[in-house]
Amino acid sequence: MEEFILTRPTSEYATQLMEYRQEFLDAGDSMDGCGPLRRFENPAEYIQLCCDYEDPATVPAHLVPATQFIFVRKSDNRLVGMLQVRHRFNEYLEKYAGHIGYSVRPSERRRGYAKQMLQAALPFCREIGLDRVLISCIDGNIGSEKTILANGGVYESTVHEPDSNIDLKRFWITLK
């Protein structure tokens, strides 16, 4: 089994962050678990914003504190996925998105990386005081649903998110 590192984004990964972003833009795919990466062409600004989001004193008032992670394959130091842990809920997160969002770059999918990345993030969730985490996925996203279930997710409900006009399946993972 390949080894990975779950770490915060740093300048060491600046070029790879922009390549990751571009791969999603080229694929016309959503960048779940990346925070506002889509809006940034300057990786240094994005990395600084990730630091700002982590600190309750500097996170914008309409958002909640969140920690951004990148998932890096050790063998070639390649950024294969990104994951964001939201430390608490606002109204939108509680109803639709949950504590964790994640994505795997399109060229690295269907290799079990999302499952490993989510598993690696759960101890951090415990460290910040969460007893259980809510994760949602688009109804019909079988890969994401399997990832959540493989990490102990228990289906709660399906809700309709009106802004994007999508149905989201909600799952809870109890942290031991």
N, C-alpha and C. Protein backbone atom coordinates (compact mmCIF):
# COMPACT_ATOMS: atom_id res chain seq x y z
N MET A 1 0.85 -1.19 0.00
CA MET A 1 0.00 0.00 0.00
C MET A 1 0.89 1.24 0.00
N GLU A 2 0.50 2.21 -0.80
CA GLU A 2 1.28 3.44 -0.88
C GLU A 2 1.13 4.24 0.41
N GLU A 3 2.16 5.03 0.71
CA GLU A 3 2.13 5.88 1.89
C GLU A 3 1.85 7.32 1.49
N PHE A 4 1.15 8.03 2.40
CA PHE A 4 0.74 9.41 2.15
C PHE A 4 1.02 10.27 3.36
N ILE A 5 1.06 11.55 3.13
CA ILE A 5 1.20 12.54 4.18
C ILE A 5 -0.03 13.45 4.11
N LEU A 6 -0.69 13.65 5.24
CA LEU A 6 -1.77 14.62 5.35
C LEU A 6 -1.18 15.82 6.06
N THR A 7 -1.08 16.94 5.37
CA THR A 7 -0.41 18.11 5.92
C THR A 7 -1.11 19.38 5.45
N ARG A 8 -0.79 20.48 6.09
CA ARG A 8 -1.35 21.76 5.67
C ARG A 8 -0.60 22.25 4.42
N PRO A 9 -1.26 23.02 3.58
CA PRO A 9 -0.58 23.54 2.39
C PRO A 9 0.50 24.55 2.77
N THR A 10 1.65 24.42 2.14
CA THR A 10 2.78 25.33 2.36
C THR A 10 3.35 25.76 1.01
N SER A 11 4.27 26.69 1.06
CA SER A 11 4.89 27.18 -0.18
C SER A 11 5.61 26.07 -0.94
N GLU A 12 6.03 25.02 -0.24
CA GLU A 12 6.66 23.88 -0.91
C GLU A 12 5.74 23.29 -1.98
N TYR A 13 4.43 23.41 -1.77
CA TYR A 13 3.46 22.82 -2.68
C TYR A 13 2.74 23.86 -3.54
N ALA A 14 3.29 25.07 -3.61
CA ALA A 14 2.62 26.15 -4.34
C ALA A 14 2.34 25.79 -5.80
N THR A 15 3.33 25.29 -6.50
CA THR A 15 3.14 24.93 -7.91
C THR A 15 2.11 23.81 -8.04
N GLN A 16 2.20 22.82 -7.17
CA GLN A 16 1.26 21.70 -7.24
C GLN A 16 -0.17 22.14 -6.92
N LEU A 17 -0.33 23.10 -6.01
CA LEU A 17 -1.67 23.62 -5.71
C LEU A 17 -2.29 24.22 -6.97
N MET A 18 -1.50 24.96 -7.73
CA MET A 18 -2.01 25.58 -8.95
C MET A 18 -2.28 24.54 -10.03
N GLU A 19 -1.45 23.49 -10.08
CA GLU A 19 -1.70 22.41 -11.03
C GLU A 19 -2.97 21.64 -10.66
N TYR A 20 -3.16 21.43 -9.38
CA TYR A 20 -4.38 20.77 -8.88
C TYR A 20 -5.61 21.58 -9.29
N ARG A 21 -5.54 22.88 -9.02
CA ARG A 21 -6.63 23.80 -9.36
C ARG A 21 -6.93 23.72 -10.86
N GLN A 22 -5.88 23.80 -11.67
CA GLN A 22 -6.06 23.81 -13.13
C GLN A 22 -6.66 22.51 -13.63
N GLU A 23 -6.26 21.40 -13.02
CA GLU A 23 -6.82 20.12 -13.45
C GLU A 23 -8.33 20.08 -13.22
N PHE A 24 -8.79 20.65 -12.12
CA PHE A 24 -10.23 20.71 -11.86
C PHE A 24 -10.92 21.67 -12.82
N LEU A 25 -10.31 22.82 -13.07
CA LEU A 25 -10.90 23.78 -14.01
C LEU A 25 -11.01 23.17 -15.40
N ASP A 26 -9.95 22.49 -15.84
CA ASP A 26 -9.96 21.85 -17.16
C ASP A 26 -11.02 20.77 -17.26
N ALA A 27 -11.26 20.06 -16.15
CA ALA A 27 -12.25 18.98 -16.14
C ALA A 27 -13.66 19.50 -15.92
N GLY A 28 -13.80 20.79 -15.56
CA GLY A 28 -15.11 21.35 -15.26
C GLY A 28 -15.71 20.72 -14.02
N ASP A 29 -14.86 20.35 -13.08
CA ASP A 29 -15.27 19.61 -11.89
C ASP A 29 -15.26 20.54 -10.67
N SER A 30 -16.04 20.18 -9.66
CA SER A 30 -16.08 20.97 -8.43
C SER A 30 -14.86 20.67 -7.57
N MET A 31 -14.40 21.66 -6.86
CA MET A 31 -13.22 21.53 -6.00
C MET A 31 -13.65 21.41 -4.55
N ASP A 32 -14.31 20.33 -4.22
CA ASP A 32 -14.78 20.13 -2.86
C ASP A 32 -13.60 19.97 -1.91
N GLY A 33 -13.75 20.57 -0.73
CA GLY A 33 -12.71 20.44 0.28
C GLY A 33 -11.47 21.26 0.02
N CYS A 34 -11.55 22.22 -0.87
CA CYS A 34 -10.40 23.06 -1.22
C CYS A 34 -10.54 24.49 -0.72
N GLY A 35 -11.63 24.79 0.00
CA GLY A 35 -11.86 26.18 0.37
C GLY A 35 -12.02 27.00 -0.91
N PRO A 36 -11.52 28.23 -0.92
CA PRO A 36 -11.69 29.10 -2.08
C PRO A 36 -10.59 28.96 -3.14
N LEU A 37 -9.97 27.80 -3.27
CA LEU A 37 -8.87 27.62 -4.22
C LEU A 37 -9.25 28.05 -5.63
N ARG A 38 -10.48 27.80 -6.03
CA ARG A 38 -10.93 28.14 -7.38
C ARG A 38 -10.69 29.62 -7.71
N ARG A 39 -10.82 30.49 -6.72
CA ARG A 39 -10.71 31.94 -6.94
C ARG A 39 -9.27 32.45 -6.99
N PHE A 40 -8.29 31.62 -6.67
CA PHE A 40 -6.93 32.11 -6.50
C PHE A 40 -6.00 31.67 -7.62
N GLU A 41 -5.28 32.65 -8.17
CA GLU A 41 -4.22 32.35 -9.13
C GLU A 41 -2.86 32.48 -8.48
N ASN A 42 -2.82 33.08 -7.29
CA ASN A 42 -1.57 33.25 -6.55
C ASN A 42 -1.57 32.27 -5.38
N PRO A 43 -0.72 31.25 -5.43
CA PRO A 43 -0.74 30.25 -4.37
C PRO A 43 -0.37 30.81 -2.99
N ALA A 44 0.49 31.81 -2.94
CA ALA A 44 0.87 32.39 -1.64
C ALA A 44 -0.33 33.03 -0.96
N GLU A 45 -1.18 33.69 -1.74
CA GLU A 45 -2.40 34.29 -1.17
C GLU A 45 -3.35 33.21 -0.66
N TYR A 46 -3.47 32.13 -1.42
CA TYR A 46 -4.34 31.03 -1.00
C TYR A 46 -3.81 30.40 0.30
N ILE A 47 -2.53 30.14 0.36
CA ILE A 47 -1.93 29.53 1.56
C ILE A 47 -2.14 30.43 2.77
N GLN A 48 -1.97 31.73 2.60
CA GLN A 48 -2.20 32.67 3.70
C GLN A 48 -3.66 32.65 4.13
N LEU A 49 -4.56 32.59 3.17
CA LEU A 49 -5.98 32.54 3.50
C LEU A 49 -6.31 31.27 4.30
N CYS A 50 -5.69 30.16 3.94
CA CYS A 50 -5.91 28.92 4.70
C CYS A 50 -5.50 29.12 6.16
N CYS A 51 -4.39 29.82 6.39
CA CYS A 51 -3.95 30.12 7.76
C CYS A 51 -4.97 31.03 8.45
N ASP A 52 -5.47 32.01 7.73
CA ASP A 52 -6.45 32.93 8.31
C ASP A 52 -7.74 32.20 8.68
N TYR A 53 -8.16 31.25 7.87
CA TYR A 53 -9.39 30.50 8.14
C TYR A 53 -9.27 29.61 9.37
N GLU A 54 -8.05 29.20 9.69
CA GLU A 54 -7.86 28.30 10.83
C GLU A 54 -7.99 29.02 12.17
N ASP A 55 -7.72 30.29 12.18
CA ASP A 55 -7.71 31.08 13.41
C ASP A 55 -9.07 31.76 13.61
N PRO A 56 -9.76 31.47 14.72
CA PRO A 56 -11.06 32.11 14.96
C PRO A 56 -10.99 33.65 14.94
N ALA A 57 -9.83 34.21 15.24
CA ALA A 57 -9.69 35.67 15.26
C ALA A 57 -9.60 36.26 13.85
N THR A 58 -9.23 35.46 12.85
CA THR A 58 -9.03 36.01 11.51
C THR A 58 -9.94 35.40 10.44
N VAL A 59 -10.73 34.39 10.80
CA VAL A 59 -11.65 33.83 9.82
C VAL A 59 -12.75 34.87 9.55
N PRO A 60 -13.15 35.06 8.30
CA PRO A 60 -14.23 36.01 8.01
C PRO A 60 -15.49 35.68 8.83
N ALA A 61 -16.21 36.70 9.22
CA ALA A 61 -17.36 36.56 10.13
C ALA A 61 -18.43 35.61 9.60
N HIS A 62 -18.60 35.53 8.28
CA HIS A 62 -19.66 34.68 7.72
C HIS A 62 -19.23 33.21 7.58
N LEU A 63 -17.97 32.92 7.94
CA LEU A 63 -17.47 31.55 7.85
C LEU A 63 -17.16 31.00 9.23
N VAL A 64 -16.75 29.75 9.30
CA VAL A 64 -16.36 29.13 10.56
C VAL A 64 -14.89 28.75 10.47
N PRO A 65 -14.21 28.62 11.61
CA PRO A 65 -12.82 28.17 11.55
C PRO A 65 -12.73 26.81 10.83
N ALA A 66 -11.71 26.68 9.99
CA ALA A 66 -11.53 25.46 9.21
C ALA A 66 -10.04 25.22 8.99
N THR A 67 -9.66 23.97 8.95
CA THR A 67 -8.28 23.60 8.68
C THR A 67 -8.21 22.92 7.32
N GLN A 68 -7.32 23.45 6.49
CA GLN A 68 -7.13 22.92 5.14
C GLN A 68 -5.97 21.93 5.14
N PHE A 69 -6.18 20.79 4.51
CA PHE A 69 -5.12 19.80 4.36
C PHE A 69 -4.92 19.45 2.90
N ILE A 70 -3.69 19.03 2.60
CA ILE A 70 -3.39 18.42 1.31
C ILE A 70 -2.94 16.99 1.59
N PHE A 71 -3.18 16.11 0.65
CA PHE A 71 -2.85 14.69 0.78
C PHE A 71 -1.79 14.40 -0.27
N VAL A 72 -0.59 14.07 0.20
CA VAL A 72 0.58 13.96 -0.68
C VAL A 72 1.10 12.53 -0.67
N ARG A 73 1.28 11.97 -1.85
CA ARG A 73 1.85 10.63 -1.99
C ARG A 73 3.36 10.73 -1.73
N LYS A 74 3.86 9.93 -0.80
CA LYS A 74 5.26 10.00 -0.39
C LYS A 74 6.23 9.62 -1.52
N SER A 75 5.89 8.61 -2.30
CA SER A 75 6.83 8.08 -3.29
C SER A 75 7.29 9.12 -4.31
N ASP A 76 6.40 10.02 -4.69
CA ASP A 76 6.76 11.04 -5.69
C ASP A 76 6.42 12.47 -5.24
N ASN A 77 6.02 12.62 -3.97
CA ASN A 77 5.69 13.93 -3.40
C ASN A 77 4.60 14.65 -4.21
N ARG A 78 3.65 13.89 -4.73
CA ARG A 78 2.58 14.45 -5.57
C ARG A 78 1.32 14.70 -4.73
N LEU A 79 0.77 15.89 -4.88
CA LEU A 79 -0.49 16.27 -4.25
C LEU A 79 -1.61 15.53 -5.00
N VAL A 80 -2.26 14.59 -4.31
CA VAL A 80 -3.31 13.81 -4.97
C VAL A 80 -4.71 14.19 -4.49
N GLY A 81 -4.82 14.83 -3.32
CA GLY A 81 -6.13 15.19 -2.81
C GLY A 81 -6.07 16.35 -1.84
N MET A 82 -7.24 16.90 -1.57
CA MET A 82 -7.36 17.99 -0.60
C MET A 82 -8.58 17.73 0.27
N LEU A 83 -8.50 18.17 1.52
CA LEU A 83 -9.56 17.94 2.48
C LEU A 83 -9.62 19.13 3.43
N GLN A 84 -10.83 19.57 3.75
CA GLN A 84 -11.02 20.67 4.70
C GLN A 84 -11.88 20.19 5.85
N VAL A 85 -11.42 20.47 7.08
CA VAL A 85 -12.18 20.17 8.29
C VAL A 85 -12.73 21.47 8.84
N ARG A 86 -14.06 21.57 8.92
CA ARG A 86 -14.69 22.75 9.54
C ARG A 86 -14.88 22.42 11.02
N HIS A 87 -14.40 23.32 11.86
CA HIS A 87 -14.34 23.05 13.30
C HIS A 87 -15.72 23.07 13.96
N ARG A 88 -16.66 23.78 13.35
CA ARG A 88 -18.03 23.84 13.88
C ARG A 88 -18.94 24.19 12.71
N PHE A 89 -20.21 24.29 12.99
CA PHE A 89 -21.19 24.57 11.95
C PHE A 89 -21.62 26.03 11.92
N ASN A 90 -21.99 26.50 10.75
CA ASN A 90 -22.91 27.61 10.60
C ASN A 90 -24.19 26.99 10.05
N GLU A 91 -25.18 27.78 9.76
CA GLU A 91 -26.47 27.22 9.34
C GLU A 91 -26.34 26.37 8.07
N TYR A 92 -25.60 26.87 7.09
CA TYR A 92 -25.45 26.15 5.82
C TYR A 92 -24.72 24.81 6.02
N LEU A 93 -23.61 24.84 6.73
CA LEU A 93 -22.84 23.61 6.95
C LEU A 93 -23.65 22.56 7.69
N GLU A 94 -24.41 23.01 8.68
CA GLU A 94 -25.22 22.07 9.47
C GLU A 94 -26.30 21.41 8.62
N LYS A 95 -26.85 22.17 7.70
CA LYS A 95 -27.96 21.65 6.90
C LYS A 95 -27.49 20.87 5.67
N TYR A 96 -26.36 21.31 5.08
CA TYR A 96 -25.97 20.73 3.80
C TYR A 96 -24.57 20.11 3.76
N ALA A 97 -23.54 20.83 4.10
CA ALA A 97 -22.18 20.41 3.77
C ALA A 97 -21.51 19.53 4.82
N GLY A 98 -21.62 19.89 6.09
CA GLY A 98 -21.00 19.09 7.13
C GLY A 98 -19.64 19.59 7.58
N HIS A 99 -18.96 18.74 8.33
CA HIS A 99 -17.65 19.08 8.90
C HIS A 99 -16.50 18.92 7.91
N ILE A 100 -16.64 18.01 6.98
CA ILE A 100 -15.51 17.67 6.11
C ILE A 100 -15.93 17.71 4.65
N GLY A 101 -15.08 18.33 3.84
CA GLY A 101 -15.20 18.27 2.39
C GLY A 101 -13.88 17.77 1.84
N TYR A 102 -13.92 17.04 0.75
CA TYR A 102 -12.68 16.51 0.20
C TYR A 102 -12.81 16.30 -1.30
N SER A 103 -11.67 16.20 -1.96
CA SER A 103 -11.63 15.88 -3.38
C SER A 103 -10.31 15.19 -3.70
N VAL A 104 -10.33 14.43 -4.76
CA VAL A 104 -9.13 13.81 -5.31
C VAL A 104 -9.00 14.31 -6.73
N ARG A 105 -7.78 14.69 -7.12
CA ARG A 105 -7.61 15.24 -8.47
C ARG A 105 -8.08 14.23 -9.51
N PRO A 106 -8.71 14.70 -10.57
CA PRO A 106 -9.31 13.80 -11.56
C PRO A 106 -8.37 12.71 -12.08
N SER A 107 -7.11 13.03 -12.28
CA SER A 107 -6.17 12.04 -12.82
C SER A 107 -5.74 10.98 -11.82
N GLU A 108 -6.15 11.13 -10.55
CA GLU A 108 -5.73 10.19 -9.50
C GLU A 108 -6.90 9.44 -8.87
N ARG A 109 -8.06 9.51 -9.47
CA ARG A 109 -9.26 8.91 -8.89
C ARG A 109 -9.32 7.39 -9.09
N ARG A 110 -10.22 6.77 -8.32
CA ARG A 110 -10.52 5.34 -8.38
C ARG A 110 -9.34 4.48 -7.94
N ARG A 111 -8.58 5.00 -6.96
CA ARG A 111 -7.45 4.26 -6.41
C ARG A 111 -7.54 4.12 -4.89
N GLY A 112 -8.67 4.54 -4.32
CA GLY A 112 -8.85 4.43 -2.88
C GLY A 112 -8.24 5.56 -2.07
N TYR A 113 -7.78 6.61 -2.75
CA TYR A 113 -7.11 7.70 -2.04
C TYR A 113 -8.05 8.48 -1.14
N ALA A 114 -9.28 8.69 -1.58
CA ALA A 114 -10.24 9.45 -0.76
C ALA A 114 -10.49 8.72 0.55
N LYS A 115 -10.64 7.42 0.49
CA LYS A 115 -10.86 6.62 1.70
C LYS A 115 -9.70 6.80 2.68
N GLN A 116 -8.48 6.72 2.17
CA GLN A 116 -7.30 6.87 3.02
C GLN A 116 -7.19 8.30 3.58
N MET A 117 -7.50 9.28 2.75
CA MET A 117 -7.41 10.68 3.16
C MET A 117 -8.42 10.97 4.28
N LEU A 118 -9.65 10.52 4.11
CA LEU A 118 -10.65 10.74 5.14
C LEU A 118 -10.25 10.03 6.43
N GLN A 119 -9.78 8.82 6.32
CA GLN A 119 -9.33 8.07 7.50
C GLN A 119 -8.21 8.82 8.22
N ALA A 120 -7.29 9.39 7.47
CA ALA A 120 -6.17 10.12 8.07
C ALA A 120 -6.61 11.40 8.77
N ALA A 121 -7.74 11.97 8.35
CA ALA A 121 -8.21 13.23 8.93
C ALA A 121 -9.03 13.05 10.21
N LEU A 122 -9.58 11.88 10.42
CA LEU A 122 -10.45 11.68 11.58
C LEU A 122 -9.75 11.88 12.93
N PRO A 123 -8.49 11.47 13.11
CA PRO A 123 -7.82 11.77 14.38
C PRO A 123 -7.73 13.28 14.66
N PHE A 124 -7.52 14.09 13.62
CA PHE A 124 -7.49 15.54 13.80
C PHE A 124 -8.84 16.03 14.30
N CYS A 125 -9.92 15.47 13.76
CA CYS A 125 -11.26 15.87 14.20
C CYS A 125 -11.43 15.60 15.69
N ARG A 126 -10.92 14.47 16.16
CA ARG A 126 -10.96 14.17 17.60
C ARG A 126 -10.15 15.20 18.38
N GLU A 127 -8.97 15.53 17.85
CA GLU A 127 -8.07 16.49 18.52
C GLU A 127 -8.74 17.84 18.74
N ILE A 128 -9.57 18.27 17.81
CA ILE A 128 -10.21 19.58 17.96
C ILE A 128 -11.53 19.48 18.73
N GLY A 129 -11.83 18.29 19.27
CA GLY A 129 -12.97 18.16 20.16
C GLY A 129 -14.26 17.67 19.56
N LEU A 130 -14.22 17.18 18.34
CA LEU A 130 -15.44 16.66 17.73
C LEU A 130 -15.65 15.21 18.16
N ASP A 131 -16.88 14.87 18.54
CA ASP A 131 -17.23 13.50 18.91
C ASP A 131 -17.75 12.72 17.71
N ARG A 132 -18.29 13.45 16.75
CA ARG A 132 -18.76 12.85 15.51
C ARG A 132 -18.72 13.92 14.43
N VAL A 133 -18.64 13.47 13.19
CA VAL A 133 -18.56 14.41 12.08
C VAL A 133 -19.64 14.11 11.06
N LEU A 134 -20.15 15.17 10.47
CA LEU A 134 -21.14 15.08 9.42
C LEU A 134 -20.44 15.27 8.08
N ILE A 135 -20.73 14.38 7.14
CA ILE A 135 -20.18 14.49 5.79
C ILE A 135 -21.33 14.27 4.83
N SER A 136 -21.39 15.08 3.79
CA SER A 136 -22.43 14.89 2.79
C SER A 136 -21.80 14.65 1.42
N CYS A 137 -22.56 14.02 0.55
CA CYS A 137 -22.13 13.86 -0.83
C CYS A 137 -23.35 13.94 -1.73
N ILE A 138 -23.11 14.29 -2.96
CA ILE A 138 -24.20 14.39 -3.93
C ILE A 138 -24.81 13.01 -4.11
N ASP A 139 -26.12 12.95 -4.05
CA ASP A 139 -26.83 11.70 -4.27
C ASP A 139 -26.44 11.16 -5.64
N GLY A 140 -25.96 9.94 -5.69
CA GLY A 140 -25.50 9.35 -6.95
C GLY A 140 -24.00 9.31 -7.07
N ASN A 141 -23.27 10.00 -6.18
CA ASN A 141 -21.81 9.94 -6.19
C ASN A 141 -21.40 8.69 -5.41
N ILE A 142 -21.41 7.57 -6.10
CA ILE A 142 -21.18 6.27 -5.46
C ILE A 142 -19.79 6.20 -4.84
N GLY A 143 -18.78 6.75 -5.51
CA GLY A 143 -17.42 6.72 -4.99
C GLY A 143 -17.31 7.42 -3.65
N SER A 144 -17.89 8.61 -3.55
CA SER A 144 -17.84 9.35 -2.30
C SER A 144 -18.64 8.65 -1.21
N GLU A 145 -19.79 8.12 -1.59
CA GLU A 145 -20.61 7.40 -0.61
C GLU A 145 -19.85 6.19 -0.06
N LYS A 146 -19.17 5.44 -0.93
CA LYS A 146 -18.38 4.29 -0.48
C LYS A 146 -17.24 4.72 0.43
N THR A 147 -16.64 5.87 0.12
CA THR A 147 -15.56 6.41 0.95
C THR A 147 -16.06 6.68 2.37
N ILE A 148 -17.22 7.32 2.46
CA ILE A 148 -17.79 7.67 3.76
C ILE A 148 -18.19 6.41 4.53
N LEU A 149 -18.84 5.49 3.86
CA LEU A 149 -19.27 4.25 4.51
C LEU A 149 -18.07 3.43 4.99
N ALA A 150 -16.99 3.40 4.20
CA ALA A 150 -15.80 2.64 4.58
C ALA A 150 -15.12 3.21 5.82
N ASN A 151 -15.43 4.46 6.13
CA ASN A 151 -14.86 5.11 7.31
C ASN A 151 -15.86 5.17 8.46
N GLY A 152 -16.90 4.36 8.40
CA GLY A 152 -17.85 4.27 9.50
C GLY A 152 -19.05 5.17 9.37
N GLY A 153 -19.26 5.77 8.22
CA GLY A 153 -20.41 6.66 8.03
C GLY A 153 -21.72 5.92 8.14
N VAL A 154 -22.68 6.58 8.78
CA VAL A 154 -24.03 6.04 8.92
C VAL A 154 -24.98 7.04 8.28
N TYR A 155 -25.75 6.56 7.30
CA TYR A 155 -26.68 7.42 6.58
C TYR A 155 -27.71 8.00 7.53
N GLU A 156 -27.96 9.32 7.40
CA GLU A 156 -28.99 9.97 8.20
C GLU A 156 -30.19 10.37 7.35
N SER A 157 -29.92 11.12 6.28
CA SER A 157 -31.03 11.63 5.47
C SER A 157 -30.50 12.17 4.15
N THR A 158 -31.43 12.49 3.26
CA THR A 158 -31.11 13.17 2.01
C THR A 158 -31.84 14.51 2.03
N VAL A 159 -31.13 15.57 1.69
CA VAL A 159 -31.71 16.91 1.68
C VAL A 159 -31.49 17.54 0.31
N HIS A 160 -32.37 18.46 -0.04
CA HIS A 160 -32.23 19.19 -1.31
C HIS A 160 -31.59 20.54 -1.03
N GLU A 161 -30.48 20.80 -1.71
CA GLU A 161 -29.80 22.09 -1.60
C GLU A 161 -30.29 22.95 -2.76
N PRO A 162 -31.10 23.99 -2.44
CA PRO A 162 -31.78 24.72 -3.52
C PRO A 162 -30.86 25.61 -4.37
N ASP A 163 -29.81 26.15 -3.82
CA ASP A 163 -28.94 27.05 -4.59
C ASP A 163 -28.28 26.33 -5.76
N SER A 164 -27.81 25.11 -5.51
CA SER A 164 -27.17 24.31 -6.57
C SER A 164 -28.13 23.33 -7.21
N ASN A 165 -29.35 23.24 -6.66
CA ASN A 165 -30.38 22.33 -7.15
C ASN A 165 -29.88 20.88 -7.19
N ILE A 166 -29.31 20.44 -6.05
CA ILE A 166 -28.81 19.07 -5.94
C ILE A 166 -29.33 18.43 -4.66
N ASP A 167 -29.41 17.12 -4.69
CA ASP A 167 -29.76 16.36 -3.49
C ASP A 167 -28.47 15.85 -2.86
N LEU A 168 -28.39 16.01 -1.55
CA LEU A 168 -27.20 15.61 -0.80
C LEU A 168 -27.56 14.55 0.23
N LYS A 169 -26.79 13.49 0.23
CA LYS A 169 -26.94 12.45 1.24
C LYS A 169 -26.04 12.82 2.44
N ARG A 170 -26.61 12.75 3.62
CA ARG A 170 -25.90 13.12 4.85
C ARG A 170 -25.54 11.86 5.65
N PHE A 171 -24.29 11.81 6.10
CA PHE A 171 -23.78 10.68 6.88
C PHE A 171 -23.06 11.20 8.13
N TRP A 172 -23.18 10.46 9.22
CA TRP A 172 -22.45 10.77 10.44
C TRP A 172 -21.41 9.69 10.69
N ILE A 173 -20.22 10.11 11.09
CA ILE A 173 -19.16 9.20 11.54
C ILE A 173 -18.92 9.50 13.01
N THR A 174 -19.13 8.50 13.84
CA THR A 174 -18.86 8.65 15.27
C THR A 174 -17.38 8.41 15.52
N LEU A 175 -16.75 9.33 16.24
CA LEU A 175 -15.33 9.22 16.54
C LEU A 175 -15.16 8.58 17.90
N LYS A 176 -14.33 7.57 17.99
CA LYS A 176 -14.14 6.84 19.23
C LYS A 176 -12.92 7.34 19.97
